[in-house]
Amino acid sequence: MKLQVFCIAFFLALFAFHPLSAQQNSPSLPVKKLFTLLDNPNSPVNQEDQCFKEVDGMDILKLNKPNIKTYLNNLRNTGLFSPAYLAEKEKYYQEMEKYIKKDGYASGRDSDEYTLSQDPPEHKEVLAVLQKTTPVIIGNTATITLRFKNYPTYKLIYKLVKVNNDWLIDGIRSN
């Protein structure tokens, strides 16, 4: 009898924790963590403006190279981004430096970095839509397409890759 009760309790515990473990390994989790971090003004993902030493409107006249290194390390330390995504970010700043040397300025980004929109949905709205969206998983890649009622022509698409059993943001685009 005790063995039977133990087996039932063990089965129920496994069943109860399965959704939690599945959710922890969901491609949606890094996107959720990203937008949770974005809600904190002191978060390392909100510190990109410190990478620019001198600006004139949307033009970047001088980069702050030590802060770029710190910013990229902070992004890496979040554990949310793939090595390929981080390499692209580094390349972005290198390209900016080339434009500054060649033309005296580089054009700044005119949209939010993580929603690719000038008038992005609020973070709580992104999180609410994310909660209702099912990722499309094919092997070690996943795509999450977020659609918003208040922005019918706007789609936010996150590409994720599985690295060492963790889902990492590998790309962001919008349509």
Protein backbone atom coordinates (compact mmCIF):
# COMPACT_ATOMS: atom_id res chain seq x y z
CA MET A 1 0.00 0.00 0.00
CA LYS A 2 2.80 2.44 0.92
CA LEU A 3 4.58 1.63 -2.35
CA GLN A 4 1.39 2.29 -4.30
CA VAL A 5 0.86 5.67 -2.60
CA PHE A 6 4.52 6.54 -3.22
CA CYS A 7 4.22 5.62 -6.91
CA ILE A 8 1.07 7.72 -7.30
CA ALA A 9 2.69 10.67 -5.52
CA PHE A 10 5.82 10.32 -7.66
CA PHE A 11 3.76 10.20 -10.88
CA LEU A 12 1.75 13.27 -9.84
CA ALA A 13 4.94 15.16 -8.99
CA LEU A 14 6.41 14.35 -12.41
CA PHE A 15 3.19 15.37 -14.12
CA ALA A 16 2.93 18.60 -12.12
CA PHE A 17 6.51 19.67 -12.87
CA HIS A 18 6.51 18.71 -16.54
CA PRO A 19 4.83 21.93 -17.74
CA LEU A 20 7.28 23.96 -15.66
CA SER A 21 10.29 22.23 -17.14
CA ALA A 22 8.83 22.46 -20.65
CA GLN A 23 8.21 26.17 -20.13
CA GLN A 24 11.79 26.69 -18.88
CA ASN A 25 13.05 25.16 -22.13
CA SER A 26 10.61 27.07 -24.33
CA PRO A 27 11.88 29.34 -27.13
CA SER A 28 9.55 32.01 -25.72
CA LEU A 29 11.49 32.25 -22.47
CA PRO A 30 14.48 34.31 -23.71
CA VAL A 31 12.13 36.78 -25.43
CA LYS A 32 10.11 37.05 -22.22
CA LYS A 33 13.31 37.61 -20.21
CA LEU A 34 14.46 40.23 -22.71
CA PHE A 35 11.29 42.29 -22.35
CA THR A 36 11.39 41.88 -18.58
CA LEU A 37 14.94 43.31 -18.65
CA LEU A 38 13.83 46.12 -20.96
CA ASP A 39 11.34 47.22 -18.30
CA ASN A 40 14.28 47.98 -15.99
CA PRO A 41 16.00 51.25 -17.04
CA ASN A 42 19.24 50.11 -15.33
CA SER A 43 19.34 46.83 -17.22
CA PRO A 44 22.40 46.21 -19.43
CA VAL A 45 20.15 45.86 -22.49
CA ASN A 46 19.09 49.49 -22.01
CA GLN A 47 22.62 50.92 -22.07
CA GLU A 48 23.33 51.16 -25.79
CA ASP A 49 23.21 54.97 -25.77
CA GLN A 50 26.44 54.91 -23.73
CA CYS A 51 28.19 53.43 -26.79
CA PHE A 52 27.91 56.79 -28.54
CA LYS A 53 30.32 59.47 -27.35
CA GLU A 54 29.19 62.27 -29.65
CA VAL A 55 25.91 62.60 -31.54
CA ASP A 56 24.19 65.25 -33.63
CA GLY A 57 20.52 64.43 -33.96
CA MET A 58 20.43 60.95 -35.48
CA ASP A 59 24.04 61.15 -36.66
CA ILE A 60 26.73 59.47 -34.60
CA LEU A 61 29.96 61.44 -34.73
CA LYS A 62 32.08 59.45 -32.31
CA LEU A 63 31.82 56.02 -30.69
CA ASN A 64 32.73 55.21 -27.11
CA LYS A 65 34.73 52.02 -27.77
CA PRO A 66 35.24 50.98 -24.12
CA ASN A 67 31.48 51.26 -23.55
CA ILE A 68 30.76 49.25 -26.70
CA LYS A 69 32.90 46.44 -25.31
CA THR A 70 31.12 46.68 -21.94
CA TYR A 71 27.71 46.78 -23.61
CA LEU A 72 28.43 43.72 -25.74
CA ASN A 73 29.79 41.85 -22.71
CA ASN A 74 26.67 42.78 -20.76
CA LEU A 75 24.48 41.45 -23.58
CA ARG A 76 26.56 38.26 -23.64
CA ASN A 77 26.19 37.89 -19.87
CA THR A 78 22.40 38.00 -20.05
CA GLY A 79 22.58 34.55 -21.65
CA LEU A 80 19.75 35.53 -24.02
CA PHE A 81 21.63 36.00 -27.30
CA SER A 82 23.38 33.59 -29.63
CA PRO A 83 27.06 33.99 -30.50
CA ALA A 84 26.01 34.82 -34.09
CA TYR A 85 23.68 37.59 -32.90
CA LEU A 86 26.42 39.08 -30.72
CA ALA A 87 28.91 38.88 -33.61
CA GLU A 88 26.45 40.82 -35.80
CA LYS A 89 26.13 43.49 -33.08
CA GLU A 90 29.92 43.80 -32.96
CA LYS A 91 30.04 44.06 -36.75
CA TYR A 92 27.37 46.81 -36.58
CA TYR A 93 29.66 48.99 -34.46
CA GLN A 94 32.66 48.23 -36.67
CA GLU A 95 30.65 49.36 -39.71
CA MET A 96 29.68 52.53 -37.86
CA GLU A 97 33.34 53.24 -37.16
CA LYS A 98 34.14 52.85 -40.88
CA TYR A 99 31.40 55.33 -41.81
CA ILE A 100 32.59 57.82 -39.19
CA LYS A 101 36.17 57.61 -40.51
CA LYS A 102 35.01 57.91 -44.13
CA ASP A 103 32.16 60.45 -43.89
CA GLY A 104 32.62 62.03 -40.47
CA TYR A 105 29.40 60.48 -39.16
CA ALA A 106 27.33 57.31 -39.13
CA SER A 107 23.56 57.26 -39.29
CA GLY A 108 21.99 56.14 -36.06
CA ARG A 109 19.21 53.63 -35.77
CA ASP A 110 15.85 55.36 -36.02
CA SER A 111 13.85 52.60 -34.37
CA ASP A 112 13.76 50.62 -31.15
CA GLU A 113 16.49 47.97 -31.25
CA TYR A 114 14.38 45.05 -30.01
CA THR A 115 11.05 45.83 -31.69
CA LEU A 116 12.40 47.46 -34.88
CA SER A 117 9.71 50.12 -34.70
CA GLN A 118 9.65 53.88 -34.16
CA ASP A 119 6.41 53.52 -32.20
CA PRO A 120 6.79 50.08 -30.63
CA PRO A 121 4.11 48.35 -28.61
CA GLU A 122 4.57 48.66 -24.88
CA HIS A 123 6.59 45.90 -23.24
CA LYS A 124 3.55 44.60 -21.35
CA GLU A 125 1.70 44.32 -24.67
CA VAL A 126 4.60 42.38 -26.20
CA LEU A 127 4.60 40.04 -23.19
CA ALA A 128 0.82 39.55 -23.41
CA VAL A 129 1.02 38.66 -27.13
CA LEU A 130 4.02 36.43 -26.48
CA GLN A 131 2.00 34.50 -23.87
CA LYS A 132 -0.62 33.67 -26.54
CA THR A 133 1.83 32.86 -29.36
CA THR A 134 3.04 29.37 -30.14
CA PRO A 135 6.62 29.15 -31.41
CA VAL A 136 7.29 27.21 -34.61
CA ILE A 137 10.10 24.79 -33.80
CA ILE A 138 12.06 22.94 -36.47
CA GLY A 139 14.96 21.00 -35.03
CA ASN A 140 17.27 23.41 -33.24
CA THR A 141 15.66 26.56 -34.62
CA ALA A 142 12.48 28.32 -33.64
CA THR A 143 10.51 31.29 -34.90
CA ILE A 144 8.16 33.39 -32.83
CA THR A 145 5.92 35.73 -34.81
CA LEU A 146 4.11 38.33 -32.73
CA ARG A 147 1.05 40.06 -34.18
CA PHE A 148 -0.62 43.01 -32.47
CA LYS A 149 -4.28 44.09 -32.65
CA ASN A 150 -3.41 47.80 -32.49
CA TYR A 151 -0.76 47.42 -35.23
CA PRO A 152 -2.43 45.24 -37.90
CA THR A 153 0.34 45.57 -40.52
CA TYR A 154 3.20 45.09 -38.04
CA LYS A 155 4.70 41.70 -37.21
CA LEU A 156 7.65 41.19 -34.91
CA ILE A 157 9.63 38.04 -35.66
CA TYR A 158 12.21 36.48 -33.35
CA LYS A 159 14.48 33.75 -34.63
CA LEU A 160 15.98 31.51 -31.96
CA VAL A 161 18.55 28.73 -31.99
CA LYS A 162 19.15 25.99 -29.48
CA VAL A 163 22.69 26.03 -28.10
CA ASN A 164 23.64 23.58 -25.34
CA ASN A 165 19.94 22.88 -24.74
CA ASP A 166 19.19 26.62 -24.24
CA TRP A 167 17.14 28.72 -26.64
CA LEU A 168 18.94 31.92 -27.62
CA ILE A 169 17.79 34.92 -29.65
CA ASP A 170 19.55 34.72 -33.00
CA GLY A 171 17.78 37.41 -34.97
CA ILE A 172 15.01 39.99 -34.86
CA ARG A 173 13.08 41.33 -37.82
CA SER A 174 9.75 42.97 -38.50
CA ASN A 175 7.33 43.15 -41.40
